N, C-alpha and C. Protein backbone atom coordinates (compact mmCIF):
# COMPACT_ATOMS: atom_id res chain seq x y z
N MET A 1 51.20 -110.12 142.33
CA MET A 1 50.57 -110.67 141.27
C MET A 1 49.58 -109.92 140.26
N SER A 2 49.87 -109.82 138.36
CA SER A 2 49.23 -108.84 137.58
C SER A 2 48.20 -109.12 137.47
N ALA A 3 47.97 -107.47 137.24
CA ALA A 3 46.12 -107.26 136.65
C ALA A 3 45.80 -108.10 135.10
N PRO A 4 44.93 -109.40 134.58
CA PRO A 4 44.41 -109.82 133.99
C PRO A 4 44.01 -108.41 132.80
N PRO A 5 44.98 -108.60 132.02
CA PRO A 5 44.90 -107.71 130.01
C PRO A 5 43.50 -107.02 130.33
N ILE A 6 42.79 -105.51 130.11
CA ILE A 6 41.55 -105.11 130.00
C ILE A 6 40.25 -105.61 128.86
N ALA A 7 41.32 -106.82 127.67
CA ALA A 7 40.45 -107.02 126.71
C ALA A 7 39.50 -108.27 126.70
N SER A 8 40.80 -109.02 128.03
CA SER A 8 39.56 -110.12 128.48
C SER A 8 38.88 -110.05 129.89
N LEU A 9 38.83 -108.59 129.75
CA LEU A 9 37.39 -108.35 130.64
C LEU A 9 36.06 -108.05 129.67
N VAL A 10 36.13 -107.77 128.71
CA VAL A 10 35.25 -107.41 127.77
C VAL A 10 34.50 -108.81 127.35
N SER A 11 33.27 -109.18 127.39
CA SER A 11 32.73 -110.28 127.33
C SER A 11 32.15 -110.18 125.18
N PRO A 12 32.57 -111.86 124.73
CA PRO A 12 32.30 -111.23 123.67
C PRO A 12 31.73 -110.14 122.22
N ALA A 13 30.46 -110.79 122.89
CA ALA A 13 28.69 -109.64 122.92
C ALA A 13 28.93 -108.84 123.04
N LYS A 14 29.53 -108.11 124.23
CA LYS A 14 30.03 -106.55 124.13
C LYS A 14 30.52 -105.80 122.61
N ARG A 15 31.97 -107.06 122.29
CA ARG A 15 32.02 -106.79 121.59
C ARG A 15 31.68 -106.51 120.08
N ASP A 16 30.88 -107.50 120.25
CA ASP A 16 30.30 -107.69 119.22
C ASP A 16 29.42 -106.40 118.64
N SER A 17 28.84 -105.87 119.67
CA SER A 17 27.55 -104.62 118.93
C SER A 17 28.53 -103.21 119.05
N ASN A 18 29.87 -103.38 119.40
CA ASN A 18 30.63 -102.33 118.98
C ASN A 18 30.94 -102.47 117.37
N ALA A 19 31.25 -103.53 117.06
CA ALA A 19 32.00 -103.46 115.90
C ALA A 19 31.10 -103.28 114.74
N GLY A 20 31.91 -102.61 113.73
CA GLY A 20 31.08 -101.78 112.83
C GLY A 20 30.15 -102.68 111.75
N TYR A 21 30.17 -101.78 110.45
CA TYR A 21 29.47 -102.34 109.71
C TYR A 21 29.94 -103.14 108.90
N THR A 22 30.31 -104.51 108.28
CA THR A 22 30.75 -104.93 106.97
C THR A 22 31.14 -104.60 105.81
N LEU A 23 31.69 -104.74 104.57
CA LEU A 23 31.31 -103.86 103.59
C LEU A 23 30.93 -104.94 102.69
N LEU A 24 29.82 -105.60 103.17
CA LEU A 24 28.88 -106.37 102.03
C LEU A 24 27.78 -105.74 102.69
N GLU A 25 26.88 -105.48 103.90
CA GLU A 25 26.02 -104.18 104.16
C GLU A 25 25.99 -103.25 103.90
N VAL A 26 27.14 -102.90 104.12
CA VAL A 26 27.47 -101.54 103.22
C VAL A 26 27.09 -101.50 102.66
N MET A 27 27.22 -102.17 101.02
CA MET A 27 27.09 -102.51 100.02
C MET A 27 25.22 -102.91 99.67
N VAL A 28 24.96 -103.19 100.62
CA VAL A 28 23.38 -103.94 100.35
C VAL A 28 22.33 -103.05 100.10
N ALA A 29 22.63 -102.08 101.33
CA ALA A 29 22.37 -100.43 102.08
C ALA A 29 21.41 -99.32 100.69
N ILE A 30 23.46 -99.81 100.18
CA ILE A 30 23.41 -98.41 99.03
C ILE A 30 22.18 -99.33 97.54
N ALA A 31 22.61 -100.34 97.63
CA ALA A 31 21.77 -101.11 96.44
C ALA A 31 19.98 -100.33 96.37
N ILE A 32 19.81 -100.94 98.56
CA ILE A 32 18.49 -100.53 98.40
C ILE A 32 18.23 -98.90 98.16
N LEU A 33 19.26 -97.85 98.98
CA LEU A 33 18.87 -96.69 98.63
C LEU A 33 18.51 -96.57 97.26
N ALA A 34 19.66 -96.91 95.83
CA ALA A 34 19.57 -96.93 94.94
C ALA A 34 18.49 -97.02 93.94
N LEU A 35 17.74 -98.66 94.44
CA LEU A 35 16.59 -98.86 93.64
C LEU A 35 15.25 -97.45 94.52
N ALA A 36 15.50 -97.36 95.62
CA ALA A 36 13.77 -96.47 96.17
C ALA A 36 14.30 -94.67 95.37
N LEU A 37 15.77 -94.55 94.95
CA LEU A 37 16.48 -93.25 94.27
C LEU A 37 15.34 -93.77 92.72
N THR A 38 15.53 -94.70 91.65
CA THR A 38 15.57 -94.78 91.16
C THR A 38 13.60 -94.91 90.60
N ALA A 39 12.92 -95.16 92.31
CA ALA A 39 11.62 -95.35 91.56
C ALA A 39 11.07 -93.87 91.49
N ILE A 40 11.87 -92.93 92.92
CA ILE A 40 11.66 -91.91 92.57
C ILE A 40 11.88 -91.19 91.23
N PHE A 41 12.52 -90.99 91.34
CA PHE A 41 13.12 -90.08 89.64
C PHE A 41 12.01 -90.50 88.96
N SER A 42 11.89 -91.66 88.87
CA SER A 42 11.22 -91.80 87.87
C SER A 42 9.76 -91.65 87.58
N SER A 43 9.04 -91.51 88.82
CA SER A 43 8.14 -90.83 88.96
C SER A 43 7.82 -89.09 88.76
N GLU A 44 8.63 -89.06 89.63
CA GLU A 44 9.39 -87.08 88.97
C GLU A 44 8.93 -86.61 87.60
N ALA A 45 10.16 -87.52 86.91
CA ALA A 45 10.22 -87.17 85.20
C ALA A 45 8.70 -87.88 84.86
N GLY A 46 8.23 -88.85 85.09
CA GLY A 46 6.53 -88.82 84.11
C GLY A 46 5.97 -87.93 84.82
N ALA A 47 5.43 -87.27 86.16
CA ALA A 47 4.46 -86.77 86.37
C ALA A 47 4.92 -85.16 85.36
N ILE A 48 6.91 -85.12 85.45
CA ILE A 48 6.83 -83.75 84.25
C ILE A 48 6.27 -83.47 83.34
N ARG A 49 6.55 -85.28 81.93
CA ARG A 49 6.22 -85.70 81.24
C ARG A 49 4.63 -85.16 80.69
N ALA A 50 3.88 -85.73 81.99
CA ALA A 50 2.32 -85.46 81.95
C ALA A 50 2.28 -84.19 82.22
N GLY A 51 2.48 -83.81 82.77
CA GLY A 51 1.96 -81.75 83.08
C GLY A 51 2.63 -81.59 81.54
N THR A 52 3.90 -81.60 81.00
CA THR A 52 3.78 -81.27 79.46
C THR A 52 3.44 -81.95 78.29
N ARG A 53 2.85 -82.20 78.42
CA ARG A 53 1.66 -83.28 77.49
C ARG A 53 0.24 -82.44 78.17
N ALA A 54 0.15 -82.35 78.99
CA ALA A 54 -1.19 -81.73 79.29
C ALA A 54 -1.21 -80.52 79.30
N ARG A 55 0.26 -79.47 78.99
CA ARG A 55 0.13 -77.89 78.32
C ARG A 55 0.47 -77.27 76.98
N LYS A 56 0.74 -78.90 76.41
CA LYS A 56 0.63 -78.35 74.93
C LYS A 56 -0.10 -78.80 74.35
N GLN A 57 -1.14 -79.92 75.28
CA GLN A 57 -2.78 -80.15 74.41
C GLN A 57 -3.66 -79.00 74.32
N THR A 58 -3.43 -78.18 76.24
CA THR A 58 -3.79 -77.21 75.98
C THR A 58 -3.85 -75.67 75.39
N THR A 59 -2.41 -76.32 74.51
CA THR A 59 -2.54 -74.65 73.86
C THR A 59 -2.82 -74.92 72.93
N GLY A 60 -2.92 -77.06 72.13
CA GLY A 60 -3.42 -76.70 70.54
C GLY A 60 -3.98 -76.93 70.31
N VAL A 61 -5.57 -76.63 71.68
CA VAL A 61 -6.68 -76.92 71.24
C VAL A 61 -6.92 -75.42 71.51
N LEU A 62 -6.58 -74.57 72.12
CA LEU A 62 -6.74 -73.27 72.00
C LEU A 62 -6.37 -72.43 70.07
N LEU A 63 -4.90 -72.54 70.19
CA LEU A 63 -5.01 -72.35 68.61
C LEU A 63 -5.76 -72.89 68.09
N ALA A 64 -5.50 -74.60 67.91
CA ALA A 64 -7.37 -75.24 67.43
C ALA A 64 -8.91 -74.31 67.32
N ARG A 65 -8.87 -73.50 68.06
CA ARG A 65 -10.12 -72.45 68.38
C ARG A 65 -10.22 -71.69 68.09
N CYS A 66 -8.37 -70.91 67.72
CA CYS A 66 -8.25 -69.24 67.08
C CYS A 66 -8.52 -69.87 65.49
N LYS A 67 -7.91 -71.07 65.01
CA LYS A 67 -8.02 -71.46 63.58
C LYS A 67 -9.37 -71.05 62.86
N MET A 68 -10.02 -72.07 63.61
CA MET A 68 -11.17 -72.28 63.09
C MET A 68 -12.64 -70.91 63.47
N ASN A 69 -12.17 -70.11 64.14
CA ASN A 69 -12.40 -68.97 63.90
C ASN A 69 -11.87 -67.91 62.89
N GLU A 70 -11.06 -68.00 62.74
CA GLU A 70 -10.05 -66.97 61.80
C GLU A 70 -11.08 -67.58 60.39
N ILE A 71 -10.70 -69.42 60.35
CA ILE A 71 -11.65 -69.10 58.55
C ILE A 71 -13.48 -69.11 58.68
N GLU A 72 -13.86 -69.18 60.29
CA GLU A 72 -15.13 -68.96 59.64
C GLU A 72 -15.10 -67.43 59.13
N ALA A 73 -14.90 -66.66 59.45
CA ALA A 73 -14.42 -64.76 59.80
C ALA A 73 -14.58 -64.84 58.07
N HIS A 74 -13.07 -65.59 57.43
CA HIS A 74 -12.89 -65.62 56.08
C HIS A 74 -14.07 -66.26 55.11
N LEU A 75 -14.72 -67.34 55.97
CA LEU A 75 -15.79 -68.02 54.68
C LEU A 75 -16.93 -66.75 54.75
N GLU A 76 -17.05 -66.32 55.85
CA GLU A 76 -18.26 -65.12 55.68
C GLU A 76 -17.56 -63.61 54.67
N GLN A 77 -15.75 -63.52 54.98
CA GLN A 77 -15.99 -62.40 54.70
C GLN A 77 -16.14 -62.90 52.98
N ASP A 78 -15.43 -63.69 52.50
CA ASP A 78 -15.07 -63.81 50.85
C ASP A 78 -15.82 -64.94 50.75
N GLY A 79 -16.62 -65.14 51.52
CA GLY A 79 -17.21 -66.18 50.59
C GLY A 79 -16.97 -67.98 50.73
N PHE A 80 -18.07 -68.56 50.09
CA PHE A 80 -17.69 -70.08 50.01
C PHE A 80 -16.32 -70.53 48.84
N PRO A 81 -15.57 -71.06 49.27
CA PRO A 81 -14.73 -71.84 47.45
C PRO A 81 -16.03 -72.29 46.57
N ALA A 82 -15.21 -72.06 45.62
CA ALA A 82 -16.12 -73.07 44.43
C ALA A 82 -16.52 -74.79 44.73
N VAL A 83 -15.07 -75.14 44.67
CA VAL A 83 -14.62 -76.64 45.65
C VAL A 83 -13.71 -76.95 46.67
N GLU A 84 -12.63 -76.29 47.22
CA GLU A 84 -12.10 -76.59 47.98
C GLU A 84 -11.46 -75.45 48.25
N GLU A 85 -10.75 -75.79 49.31
CA GLU A 85 -9.54 -74.68 49.59
C GLU A 85 -8.46 -75.19 51.18
N THR A 86 -7.18 -74.70 50.73
CA THR A 86 -6.84 -75.83 51.58
C THR A 86 -5.27 -74.62 52.21
N GLY A 87 -4.40 -74.59 52.94
CA GLY A 87 -3.57 -73.86 53.48
C GLY A 87 -2.48 -74.06 54.74
N SER A 88 -1.56 -74.13 55.44
CA SER A 88 -0.96 -74.41 56.31
C SER A 88 0.07 -73.03 56.88
N ASP A 89 -0.45 -73.04 58.00
CA ASP A 89 -0.01 -71.48 58.65
C ASP A 89 1.16 -71.65 60.74
N GLY A 90 1.02 -70.80 61.11
CA GLY A 90 0.78 -71.07 62.43
C GLY A 90 -0.04 -71.01 62.66
N CYS A 91 -1.43 -71.44 62.39
CA CYS A 91 -2.48 -71.74 63.55
C CYS A 91 -2.93 -70.13 63.56
N CYS A 92 -2.53 -69.35 64.23
CA CYS A 92 -3.39 -67.95 64.84
C CYS A 92 -2.96 -67.23 64.64
N GLU A 93 -3.08 -65.66 63.66
CA GLU A 93 -2.30 -64.83 63.21
C GLU A 93 -2.02 -63.47 63.92
N ASP A 94 -1.30 -63.58 63.96
CA ASP A 94 -0.53 -62.16 64.69
C ASP A 94 -0.25 -62.79 66.48
N ALA A 95 -0.58 -64.20 66.34
CA ALA A 95 -0.62 -64.58 68.11
C ALA A 95 0.39 -66.21 67.16
N GLU A 96 1.24 -66.19 66.40
CA GLU A 96 1.59 -67.42 66.24
C GLU A 96 2.62 -68.23 67.66
N THR A 97 2.30 -69.51 67.51
CA THR A 97 2.98 -69.92 69.06
C THR A 97 3.95 -70.52 68.34
N ALA A 98 5.30 -71.09 68.69
CA ALA A 98 7.00 -71.71 68.04
C ALA A 98 6.28 -73.20 68.52
N GLY A 99 6.77 -73.99 67.35
CA GLY A 99 6.48 -75.55 67.62
C GLY A 99 5.01 -76.00 67.07
N TYR A 100 4.63 -74.46 66.64
CA TYR A 100 3.31 -75.28 66.64
C TYR A 100 2.70 -74.98 64.99
N THR A 101 1.78 -76.04 63.68
CA THR A 101 1.30 -75.60 62.41
C THR A 101 0.27 -76.48 62.88
N CYS A 102 -0.28 -75.21 61.76
CA CYS A 102 -2.35 -75.62 61.79
C CYS A 102 -2.37 -76.34 60.08
N ASP A 103 -2.81 -77.13 59.40
CA ASP A 103 -3.14 -77.92 58.43
C ASP A 103 -4.75 -78.10 57.96
N TRP A 104 -5.09 -76.45 57.75
CA TRP A 104 -6.59 -76.71 57.43
C TRP A 104 -7.39 -76.91 56.27
N LYS A 105 -8.67 -77.63 56.09
CA LYS A 105 -9.17 -77.17 54.92
C LYS A 105 -11.03 -77.49 54.63
N VAL A 106 -10.99 -76.44 53.66
CA VAL A 106 -12.66 -76.50 53.72
C VAL A 106 -13.00 -76.72 52.13
N GLU A 107 -14.17 -77.90 52.40
CA GLU A 107 -14.27 -78.58 51.37
C GLU A 107 -15.86 -78.38 51.23
N ARG A 108 -16.73 -79.18 49.59
CA ARG A 108 -17.85 -79.21 49.83
C ARG A 108 -18.54 -80.39 50.35
N VAL A 109 -19.30 -80.44 51.07
CA VAL A 109 -19.81 -81.68 51.37
C VAL A 109 -20.44 -82.65 50.74
N GLU A 110 -20.35 -83.87 50.59
CA GLU A 110 -21.39 -84.93 49.62
C GLU A 110 -22.21 -85.54 49.78
N LEU A 111 -22.71 -85.52 49.42
CA LEU A 111 -24.36 -85.67 50.27
C LEU A 111 -25.02 -86.93 48.55
N PRO A 112 -25.60 -88.08 49.03
CA PRO A 112 -25.93 -88.97 48.27
C PRO A 112 -26.93 -88.75 47.17
N GLU A 113 -27.03 -89.58 46.19
CA GLU A 113 -27.74 -88.65 44.84
C GLU A 113 -29.40 -89.54 45.47
N PRO A 114 -30.27 -88.47 44.59
CA PRO A 114 -31.20 -88.74 45.13
C PRO A 114 -31.97 -90.55 44.97
N ALA A 115 -31.46 -91.09 43.71
CA ALA A 115 -31.01 -92.60 42.99
C ALA A 115 -31.23 -93.39 43.94
N GLU A 116 -29.90 -93.11 45.04
CA GLU A 116 -29.09 -93.75 45.19
C GLU A 116 -30.46 -94.11 47.19
N LEU A 117 -30.88 -93.24 47.25
CA LEU A 117 -31.75 -93.25 48.32
C LEU A 117 -32.81 -93.78 48.01
N THR A 118 -33.21 -93.82 46.88
CA THR A 118 -34.64 -94.51 46.59
C THR A 118 -33.87 -96.08 46.05
N GLU A 119 -33.05 -96.42 45.48
CA GLU A 119 -32.84 -97.75 45.44
C GLU A 119 -32.48 -98.34 47.31
N GLU A 120 -32.06 -97.67 47.99
CA GLU A 120 -31.46 -98.31 49.65
C GLU A 120 -32.50 -98.64 50.07
N GLY A 121 -33.66 -97.67 49.64
CA GLY A 121 -35.33 -97.84 49.82
C GLY A 121 -35.92 -98.52 50.05
N GLU A 122 -35.80 -99.36 48.22
CA GLU A 122 -36.64 -100.25 47.60
C GLU A 122 -35.73 -101.62 48.29
N GLY A 123 -34.76 -101.66 48.45
CA GLY A 123 -34.25 -102.82 49.17
C GLY A 123 -34.46 -103.25 50.49
N GLU A 124 -34.29 -102.36 51.09
CA GLU A 124 -35.09 -102.11 52.40
C GLU A 124 -36.37 -102.59 52.10
N ALA A 125 -37.07 -102.29 51.71
CA ALA A 125 -38.83 -102.96 51.66
C ALA A 125 -39.08 -104.34 51.06
N ALA A 126 -37.95 -104.46 49.69
CA ALA A 126 -37.89 -106.42 49.49
C ALA A 126 -37.29 -106.87 50.85
N GLY A 127 -36.48 -106.61 51.51
CA GLY A 127 -35.84 -107.33 52.65
C GLY A 127 -37.25 -107.18 53.43
N ALA A 128 -37.81 -106.40 53.88
CA ALA A 128 -39.32 -106.63 55.07
C ALA A 128 -40.09 -107.45 54.27
N ALA A 129 -40.26 -107.70 52.91
CA ALA A 129 -41.55 -108.06 52.18
C ALA A 129 -40.51 -109.84 52.80
N ALA A 130 -39.63 -109.98 52.14
CA ALA A 130 -39.24 -111.40 52.05
C ALA A 130 -39.44 -111.59 53.44
N GLY A 131 -39.01 -111.14 54.56
CA GLY A 131 -39.05 -111.38 55.52
C GLY A 131 -40.46 -111.79 56.84
N GLY A 132 -40.94 -111.66 55.63
CA GLY A 132 -42.44 -111.59 56.28
C GLY A 132 -43.04 -110.57 57.01
N GLU A 133 -42.21 -109.51 57.36
CA GLU A 133 -42.85 -108.49 57.86
C GLU A 133 -43.48 -107.42 57.14
N PRO A 134 -45.04 -107.54 58.56
CA PRO A 134 -45.52 -106.46 57.07
C PRO A 134 -46.12 -105.42 57.22
N PRO A 135 -46.92 -104.68 56.14
CA PRO A 135 -46.14 -103.18 55.68
C PRO A 135 -46.31 -102.56 56.35
N ALA A 136 -46.27 -100.76 55.99
CA ALA A 136 -46.53 -99.36 56.72
C ALA A 136 -47.79 -99.82 56.96
N GLU A 137 -48.93 -99.37 58.22
CA GLU A 137 -50.08 -99.19 58.27
C GLU A 137 -50.24 -97.80 58.05
N THR A 138 -51.72 -97.61 57.75
CA THR A 138 -52.24 -95.90 57.19
C THR A 138 -51.89 -95.41 58.59
N PRO A 139 -51.64 -94.31 58.83
CA PRO A 139 -51.36 -92.27 59.69
C PRO A 139 -52.97 -92.87 60.14
N ASP A 140 -52.83 -92.81 61.53
CA ASP A 140 -54.24 -92.40 61.92
C ASP A 140 -54.60 -90.92 62.40
N VAL A 141 -55.35 -90.34 61.08
CA VAL A 141 -55.57 -89.06 61.02
C VAL A 141 -56.51 -88.63 62.36
N ASN A 142 -57.30 -89.06 63.09
CA ASN A 142 -58.26 -89.07 63.87
C ASN A 142 -56.67 -88.43 65.42
N ALA A 143 -55.54 -89.20 65.31
CA ALA A 143 -54.18 -89.27 65.95
C ALA A 143 -53.65 -87.50 65.91
N LEU A 144 -53.55 -87.80 64.36
CA LEU A 144 -53.01 -86.65 64.44
C LEU A 144 -53.44 -85.14 64.18
N LEU A 145 -55.40 -85.47 64.26
CA LEU A 145 -55.48 -83.66 64.77
C LEU A 145 -55.82 -83.93 66.45
N SER A 146 -55.23 -84.79 66.34
CA SER A 146 -56.30 -85.00 68.40
C SER A 146 -55.34 -83.75 69.41
N GLY A 147 -54.10 -83.19 68.92
CA GLY A 147 -53.56 -82.30 69.65
C GLY A 147 -52.49 -83.09 70.46
N ASP A 148 -52.20 -83.82 70.38
CA ASP A 148 -51.39 -85.20 71.85
C ASP A 148 -50.02 -85.66 70.83
N PRO A 149 -49.07 -84.99 71.05
CA PRO A 149 -47.95 -84.59 69.94
C PRO A 149 -47.04 -86.87 70.81
N SER A 150 -47.55 -87.03 71.32
CA SER A 150 -46.76 -88.65 71.46
C SER A 150 -47.73 -89.29 70.57
N ALA A 151 -49.15 -89.23 70.83
CA ALA A 151 -50.29 -89.86 69.20
C ALA A 151 -49.71 -89.21 68.21
N ALA A 152 -49.44 -88.23 67.64
CA ALA A 152 -48.76 -87.83 66.51
C ALA A 152 -47.90 -87.84 65.46
N GLU A 153 -47.03 -88.30 66.88
CA GLU A 153 -45.60 -88.74 66.39
C GLU A 153 -45.25 -90.64 66.70
N ALA A 154 -46.33 -90.97 66.83
CA ALA A 154 -47.05 -92.34 67.03
C ALA A 154 -47.13 -93.01 65.43
N ALA A 155 -48.30 -91.98 65.49
CA ALA A 155 -49.05 -91.83 63.94
C ALA A 155 -47.67 -91.93 62.82
N LEU A 156 -46.86 -90.61 63.15
CA LEU A 156 -46.08 -90.50 61.69
C LEU A 156 -45.51 -91.66 61.35
N GLY A 157 -45.13 -92.20 62.60
CA GLY A 157 -43.50 -93.70 62.09
C GLY A 157 -44.04 -95.20 62.59
N GLY A 158 -45.46 -94.46 62.30
CA GLY A 158 -46.26 -95.84 62.01
C GLY A 158 -46.38 -96.45 60.63
N GLY A 159 -46.93 -94.84 60.05
CA GLY A 159 -47.34 -94.83 58.65
C GLY A 159 -45.55 -94.43 57.84
N GLY A 160 -46.02 -93.94 57.01
CA GLY A 160 -44.73 -94.16 55.46
C GLY A 160 -44.96 -92.11 55.17
N ILE A 161 -44.98 -90.95 55.75
CA ILE A 161 -45.32 -89.94 55.44
C ILE A 161 -44.65 -89.18 55.98
N CYS A 162 -43.27 -89.69 56.95
CA CYS A 162 -42.11 -88.53 57.03
C CYS A 162 -41.14 -89.17 56.01
N GLU A 163 -41.20 -90.43 55.72
CA GLU A 163 -40.27 -90.69 54.86
C GLU A 163 -40.56 -90.57 53.18
N MET A 164 -41.51 -90.39 52.87
CA MET A 164 -42.92 -90.09 51.53
C MET A 164 -41.90 -88.53 51.70
N GLY A 165 -42.29 -87.56 52.54
CA GLY A 165 -42.19 -86.20 52.27
C GLY A 165 -41.06 -86.04 52.43
N PHE A 166 -39.55 -86.75 53.24
CA PHE A 166 -37.86 -86.53 52.99
C PHE A 166 -37.92 -87.39 51.64
N GLN A 167 -38.49 -87.61 50.89
CA GLN A 167 -38.03 -88.21 49.52
C GLN A 167 -38.81 -87.60 48.79
N MET A 168 -39.46 -86.92 48.91
CA MET A 168 -40.21 -85.59 48.13
C MET A 168 -39.93 -84.22 47.74
N ALA A 169 -38.56 -84.21 49.26
CA ALA A 169 -38.40 -82.88 49.42
C ALA A 169 -36.35 -83.18 49.03
N TYR A 170 -36.53 -84.50 49.11
CA TYR A 170 -34.18 -84.22 49.43
C TYR A 170 -33.97 -83.79 47.61
N PRO A 171 -34.97 -84.19 46.55
CA PRO A 171 -34.70 -83.34 45.47
C PRO A 171 -34.39 -82.30 45.02
N VAL A 172 -34.58 -81.81 46.25
CA VAL A 172 -35.15 -80.14 45.76
C VAL A 172 -33.74 -79.53 46.64
N LEU A 173 -33.59 -80.30 47.76
CA LEU A 173 -33.00 -79.91 48.89
C LEU A 173 -32.12 -80.25 49.50
N ARG A 174 -31.18 -80.80 48.03
CA ARG A 174 -30.22 -81.21 47.91
C ARG A 174 -28.85 -80.42 47.41
N PRO A 175 -29.14 -79.65 46.34
CA PRO A 175 -28.49 -78.29 45.52
C PRO A 175 -28.00 -77.69 46.38
N VAL A 176 -29.01 -77.40 47.58
CA VAL A 176 -29.25 -76.26 48.06
C VAL A 176 -28.46 -76.59 49.45
N LEU A 177 -28.52 -77.92 50.08
CA LEU A 177 -27.84 -78.22 51.54
C LEU A 177 -25.56 -78.06 50.71
N VAL A 178 -26.19 -78.17 49.35
CA VAL A 178 -24.22 -78.35 48.54
C VAL A 178 -23.86 -77.22 49.10
N GLU A 179 -24.89 -76.11 48.88
CA GLU A 179 -24.35 -74.52 48.39
C GLU A 179 -24.53 -73.54 49.70
N VAL A 180 -24.62 -74.40 50.54
CA VAL A 180 -24.57 -73.50 52.12
C VAL A 180 -24.12 -74.07 52.95
N VAL A 181 -23.49 -75.47 52.57
CA VAL A 181 -22.69 -76.55 54.51
C VAL A 181 -20.87 -76.57 53.09
N ARG A 182 -20.44 -76.01 54.43
CA ARG A 182 -19.07 -76.84 54.21
C ARG A 182 -18.45 -77.30 54.79
N ARG A 183 -17.53 -78.54 54.97
CA ARG A 183 -16.94 -78.41 56.01
C ARG A 183 -15.06 -79.28 56.23
N VAL A 184 -15.16 -77.58 57.34
CA VAL A 184 -13.87 -77.33 57.54
C VAL A 184 -13.28 -77.96 58.67
N SER A 185 -12.32 -78.69 58.53
CA SER A 185 -11.30 -79.41 59.21
C SER A 185 -9.83 -78.89 59.10
N VAL A 186 -9.39 -79.04 60.27
CA VAL A 186 -8.04 -78.10 61.18
C VAL A 186 -7.24 -79.42 62.33
N THR A 187 -6.01 -79.08 60.99
CA THR A 187 -4.69 -80.14 62.11
C THR A 187 -3.74 -79.56 62.71
N VAL A 188 -3.89 -79.58 64.18
CA VAL A 188 -2.75 -79.38 65.00
C VAL A 188 -1.78 -80.13 65.15
N ARG A 189 -0.68 -79.67 64.35
CA ARG A 189 0.50 -80.56 65.14
C ARG A 189 1.78 -80.21 65.85
N TRP A 190 2.74 -80.80 66.19
CA TRP A 190 3.74 -80.63 67.15
C TRP A 190 4.47 -81.29 67.60
N ARG A 191 5.42 -80.96 68.12
CA ARG A 191 6.36 -82.11 68.71
C ARG A 191 6.95 -82.46 70.28
N GLU A 192 7.04 -83.49 70.60
CA GLU A 192 7.41 -83.39 71.88
C GLU A 192 8.70 -84.22 72.08
N GLY A 193 9.77 -84.03 72.20
CA GLY A 193 10.99 -84.41 71.10
C GLY A 193 11.11 -85.28 70.42
N SER A 194 10.70 -86.10 70.41
CA SER A 194 11.42 -87.09 68.96
C SER A 194 10.73 -87.32 68.28
N ARG A 195 8.74 -86.91 69.32
CA ARG A 195 7.49 -87.65 68.88
C ARG A 195 7.25 -86.42 68.01
N GLU A 196 5.62 -86.94 67.22
CA GLU A 196 5.17 -85.02 66.48
C GLU A 196 3.75 -86.00 67.02
N ARG A 197 3.52 -85.19 67.62
CA ARG A 197 1.98 -85.13 68.05
C ARG A 197 0.58 -84.53 67.70
N SER A 198 -0.07 -84.98 66.90
CA SER A 198 -1.59 -84.43 66.65
C SER A 198 -2.91 -84.26 66.77
N PHE A 199 -4.26 -83.36 65.97
CA PHE A 199 -5.10 -84.03 66.13
C PHE A 199 -6.07 -83.33 65.76
N ASP A 200 -7.02 -83.81 64.81
CA ASP A 200 -8.18 -83.16 64.05
C ASP A 200 -9.38 -82.64 64.73
N VAL A 201 -9.28 -80.99 64.17
CA VAL A 201 -10.67 -80.71 64.74
C VAL A 201 -11.67 -80.65 63.79
N VAL A 202 -12.74 -80.83 63.34
CA VAL A 202 -14.04 -80.92 62.67
C VAL A 202 -15.17 -79.80 62.35
N GLN A 203 -15.66 -79.33 61.63
CA GLN A 203 -17.17 -78.32 61.79
C GLN A 203 -17.55 -77.94 60.62
N TYR A 204 -18.72 -77.82 60.50
CA TYR A 204 -19.31 -78.02 59.49
C TYR A 204 -20.10 -76.33 59.38
N VAL A 205 -19.80 -75.57 58.35
CA VAL A 205 -20.39 -74.15 58.27
C VAL A 205 -21.14 -73.74 57.72
N VAL A 206 -22.78 -73.38 58.07
CA VAL A 206 -23.37 -73.26 57.37
C VAL A 206 -23.57 -71.43 56.82
N THR A 207 -24.14 -71.11 55.49
CA THR A 207 -24.53 -69.65 55.51
C THR A 207 -25.66 -69.92 54.82
N ASN A 208 -26.42 -68.87 54.81
CA ASN A 208 -27.52 -68.28 54.12
C ASN A 208 -27.72 -67.97 53.14
N PRO A 209 -28.41 -69.16 52.72
CA PRO A 209 -28.24 -69.06 50.68
C PRO A 209 -28.51 -67.15 50.12
N SER A 210 -28.17 -67.19 49.35
CA SER A 210 -27.74 -66.01 48.42
C SER A 210 -29.24 -65.71 47.91
N PRO A 211 -29.92 -64.50 48.52
CA PRO A 211 -30.91 -64.50 47.18
C PRO A 211 -30.80 -64.07 46.01
N PRO A 212 -32.24 -64.66 45.38
CA PRO A 212 -32.23 -64.40 44.04
C PRO A 212 -32.44 -63.14 43.49
N ALA A 213 -31.51 -63.06 42.35
CA ALA A 213 -31.26 -61.73 41.63
C ALA A 213 -32.69 -61.12 41.99
N PRO A 214 -32.94 -59.49 41.57
CA PRO A 214 -33.71 -59.52 41.44
C PRO A 214 -34.25 -59.44 39.87
N PRO A 215 -35.80 -58.87 39.47
CA PRO A 215 -35.90 -59.22 37.32
C PRO A 215 -34.97 -57.42 36.78
N PRO A 216 -34.68 -57.44 35.83
CA PRO A 216 -34.44 -56.52 35.59
C PRO A 216 -35.59 -55.58 35.53
N PRO A 217 -35.34 -54.60 35.48
CA PRO A 217 -36.41 -53.27 35.09
C PRO A 217 -36.92 -53.27 33.83
């Protein structure tokens, strides 16, 4: 009697477990791996872009500070311009950074005329009268002289002393403020790929008013 063939002694289940992966299974595995790698690489690219942007913004802030200090030193040495002064350069003198540009401007401040403030105050007073609000009461002199800061503040707030004092002093102070205050603005620009980035810094510079010239002998 001849022996049965070896293939007939192996069960179907045994043959299935030893079989390889099908082409469809391999394609599904590759697709899942591709999706996972795409998500990982996208997150890494986003982290790199965020780090690059933070580094460039930090450099821009340092350059804006440097430029603002240069403008302050220039104003202190040469004085305020009569009207305005503008310029554009590499931000920091003797330490220019490639890819960065600073546009700067020094201009006079614009303050309202005393007549405009008077008209605004009269309009508010007329509105209060039309609304039936009671007029401001006379400040309590005893509260002002009591030495209590809170009581004095309440007394001044209840009356019109502060507003009246400001209206009297403003016409005198306005020409002085216009001469001793300048608005300094610096705009830092750089490029990130195909996009241009920028931010603005504004500061008010104050100088001491020039003393009056001594009378001729």
